[in-house]
């Protein structure tokens, strides 16, 4: 589950990891007509449907 607040480095890492998955033919989790993997990853992050967990060392 994604934390409510991501810092800019966590956000970039999550978007980059998901965009790489999409570019390697992972299923897209939202309905979209966009074929740019980075834009799709950003939309998925904004909608909160990503199955990616962010673990911080202080938590």
N, C-alpha and C. Protein backbone atom coordinates (compact mmCIF):
# COMPACT_ATOMS: atom_id res chain seq x y z
N UNK A 1 0.84 -1.18 0.00
CA UNK A 1 0.00 0.00 0.00
C UNK A 1 0.88 1.24 0.00
N UNK A 2 0.57 2.20 -0.83
CA UNK A 2 1.35 3.43 -0.96
C UNK A 2 1.00 4.37 0.19
N UNK A 3 2.02 4.95 0.83
CA UNK A 3 1.71 5.94 1.87
C UNK A 3 0.97 7.13 1.26
N UNK A 4 0.22 7.83 2.07
CA UNK A 4 -0.55 8.97 1.58
C UNK A 4 0.38 10.03 0.99
N UNK A 5 1.51 10.26 1.63
CA UNK A 5 2.44 11.31 1.22
C UNK A 5 3.77 10.69 0.81
N UNK A 6 4.14 10.88 -0.45
CA UNK A 6 5.44 10.42 -0.94
C UNK A 6 6.32 11.64 -1.16
N UNK A 7 7.60 11.51 -0.80
CA UNK A 7 8.50 12.61 -1.15
C UNK A 7 8.88 12.48 -2.62
N UNK A 8 9.58 13.45 -3.15
CA UNK A 8 9.84 13.46 -4.59
C UNK A 8 10.68 12.28 -5.06
N UNK A 9 11.56 11.78 -4.20
CA UNK A 9 12.41 10.65 -4.57
C UNK A 9 11.61 9.35 -4.59
N UNK A 10 10.74 9.17 -3.62
CA UNK A 10 9.88 7.99 -3.59
C UNK A 10 8.92 8.00 -4.78
N UNK A 11 8.37 9.16 -5.07
CA UNK A 11 7.45 9.30 -6.19
C UNK A 11 8.15 8.95 -7.51
N UNK A 12 9.36 9.47 -7.70
CA UNK A 12 10.11 9.19 -8.93
C UNK A 12 10.45 7.71 -9.03
N UNK A 13 10.81 7.10 -7.92
CA UNK A 13 11.17 5.68 -7.92
C UNK A 13 9.96 4.80 -8.24
N UNK A 14 8.83 5.11 -7.64
CA UNK A 14 7.61 4.33 -7.87
C UNK A 14 7.15 4.48 -9.32
N UNK A 15 7.15 5.69 -9.83
CA UNK A 15 6.73 5.92 -11.22
C UNK A 15 7.69 5.23 -12.19
N UNK A 16 8.98 5.34 -11.94
CA UNK A 16 9.96 4.70 -12.81
C UNK A 16 9.85 3.18 -12.81
N UNK A 17 9.66 2.61 -11.63
CA UNK A 17 9.54 1.15 -11.53
C UNK A 17 8.28 0.66 -12.25
N UNK A 18 7.18 1.37 -12.05
CA UNK A 18 5.93 0.97 -12.69
C UNK A 18 5.98 1.18 -14.20
N UNK A 19 6.61 2.27 -14.65
CA UNK A 19 6.75 2.51 -16.09
C UNK A 19 7.58 1.41 -16.74
N UNK A 20 8.61 0.95 -16.06
CA UNK A 20 9.42 -0.15 -16.58
C UNK A 20 8.59 -1.42 -16.69
N UNK A 21 7.78 -1.70 -15.68
CA UNK A 21 6.90 -2.87 -15.73
C UNK A 21 5.94 -2.78 -16.92
N UNK A 22 5.36 -1.61 -17.10
CA UNK A 22 4.41 -1.42 -18.20
C UNK A 22 5.11 -1.58 -19.55
N UNK A 23 6.31 -1.06 -19.67
CA UNK A 23 7.04 -1.17 -20.94
C UNK A 23 7.44 -2.61 -21.25
N UNK A 24 7.45 -3.45 -20.22
CA UNK A 24 7.77 -4.87 -20.42
C UNK A 24 6.49 -5.71 -20.43
N UNK A 25 5.38 -5.09 -20.85
CA UNK A 25 4.08 -5.74 -21.10
C UNK A 25 3.35 -6.19 -19.84
N UNK A 26 3.55 -5.52 -18.73
CA UNK A 26 2.72 -5.79 -17.55
C UNK A 26 1.33 -5.24 -17.81
N UNK A 27 0.30 -5.83 -17.23
CA UNK A 27 -1.05 -5.32 -17.46
C UNK A 27 -1.24 -3.92 -16.88
N UNK A 28 -1.95 -3.09 -17.61
CA UNK A 28 -2.25 -1.73 -17.15
C UNK A 28 -3.48 -1.81 -16.25
N UNK A 29 -3.42 -1.17 -15.10
CA UNK A 29 -4.44 -1.31 -14.07
C UNK A 29 -5.59 -0.31 -14.18
N UNK A 30 -5.53 0.59 -15.15
CA UNK A 30 -6.59 1.57 -15.35
C UNK A 30 -7.01 1.56 -16.81
N UNK A 31 -8.17 2.10 -17.09
CA UNK A 31 -8.63 2.26 -18.47
C UNK A 31 -8.10 3.57 -19.01
N UNK A 32 -7.29 3.49 -20.04
CA UNK A 32 -6.72 4.69 -20.64
C UNK A 32 -6.42 4.44 -22.11
N UNK A 33 -6.41 5.50 -22.87
CA UNK A 33 -6.05 5.42 -24.28
C UNK A 33 -4.60 5.81 -24.50
N UNK A 34 -3.92 6.20 -23.44
CA UNK A 34 -2.53 6.65 -23.52
C UNK A 34 -1.60 5.45 -23.61
N UNK A 35 -0.57 5.54 -24.47
CA UNK A 35 0.37 4.45 -24.63
C UNK A 35 1.75 4.77 -24.07
N UNK A 36 1.91 5.95 -23.49
CA UNK A 36 3.18 6.33 -22.88
C UNK A 36 3.24 5.73 -21.48
N UNK A 37 4.22 4.86 -21.24
CA UNK A 37 4.27 4.12 -19.98
C UNK A 37 4.44 5.03 -18.77
N UNK A 38 5.16 6.13 -18.92
CA UNK A 38 5.35 7.04 -17.78
C UNK A 38 4.05 7.75 -17.45
N UNK A 39 3.33 8.20 -18.46
CA UNK A 39 2.04 8.87 -18.19
C UNK A 39 1.04 7.91 -17.57
N UNK A 40 1.03 6.67 -18.03
CA UNK A 40 0.13 5.67 -17.45
C UNK A 40 0.51 5.42 -15.99
N UNK A 41 1.80 5.31 -15.70
CA UNK A 41 2.26 5.08 -14.33
C UNK A 41 1.87 6.24 -13.41
N UNK A 42 1.98 7.46 -13.91
CA UNK A 42 1.58 8.63 -13.12
C UNK A 42 0.08 8.59 -12.83
N UNK A 43 -0.72 8.26 -13.85
CA UNK A 43 -2.17 8.18 -13.65
C UNK A 43 -2.52 7.09 -12.64
N UNK A 44 -1.84 5.94 -12.73
CA UNK A 44 -2.10 4.86 -11.78
C UNK A 44 -1.74 5.29 -10.36
N UNK A 45 -0.64 6.00 -10.21
CA UNK A 45 -0.24 6.48 -8.89
C UNK A 45 -1.26 7.47 -8.34
N UNK A 46 -1.71 8.39 -9.17
CA UNK A 46 -2.69 9.38 -8.74
C UNK A 46 -4.02 8.75 -8.36
N UNK A 47 -4.38 7.65 -9.04
CA UNK A 47 -5.64 6.97 -8.73
C UNK A 47 -5.50 6.01 -7.55
N UNK A 48 -4.28 5.73 -7.14
CA UNK A 48 -4.06 4.87 -5.98
C UNK A 48 -4.26 3.39 -6.23
N UNK A 49 -3.99 2.93 -7.44
CA UNK A 49 -4.21 1.52 -7.76
C UNK A 49 -2.93 0.71 -7.88
N UNK A 50 -1.80 1.30 -7.56
CA UNK A 50 -0.53 0.59 -7.71
C UNK A 50 -0.32 -0.43 -6.60
N UNK A 51 0.10 -1.64 -6.97
CA UNK A 51 0.40 -2.66 -5.96
C UNK A 51 1.86 -2.59 -5.51
N UNK A 52 2.33 -1.40 -5.21
CA UNK A 52 3.73 -1.20 -4.81
C UNK A 52 3.76 -0.68 -3.39
N UNK A 53 4.63 -1.25 -2.57
CA UNK A 53 4.76 -0.84 -1.17
C UNK A 53 6.04 -0.05 -0.98
N UNK A 54 5.95 1.07 -0.29
CA UNK A 54 7.12 1.88 0.04
C UNK A 54 7.42 1.67 1.52
N UNK A 55 8.63 1.18 1.80
CA UNK A 55 9.04 0.95 3.18
C UNK A 55 10.13 1.95 3.51
N UNK A 56 9.89 2.72 4.53
CA UNK A 56 10.87 3.71 4.97
C UNK A 56 11.65 3.14 6.15
N UNK A 57 12.95 3.42 6.23
CA UNK A 57 13.76 2.84 7.31
C UNK A 57 13.36 3.33 8.70
N UNK A 58 12.74 4.48 8.82
CA UNK A 58 12.37 5.01 10.12
C UNK A 58 11.00 4.54 10.59
N UNK A 59 10.30 3.73 9.80
CA UNK A 59 8.96 3.27 10.19
C UNK A 59 8.97 1.80 10.52
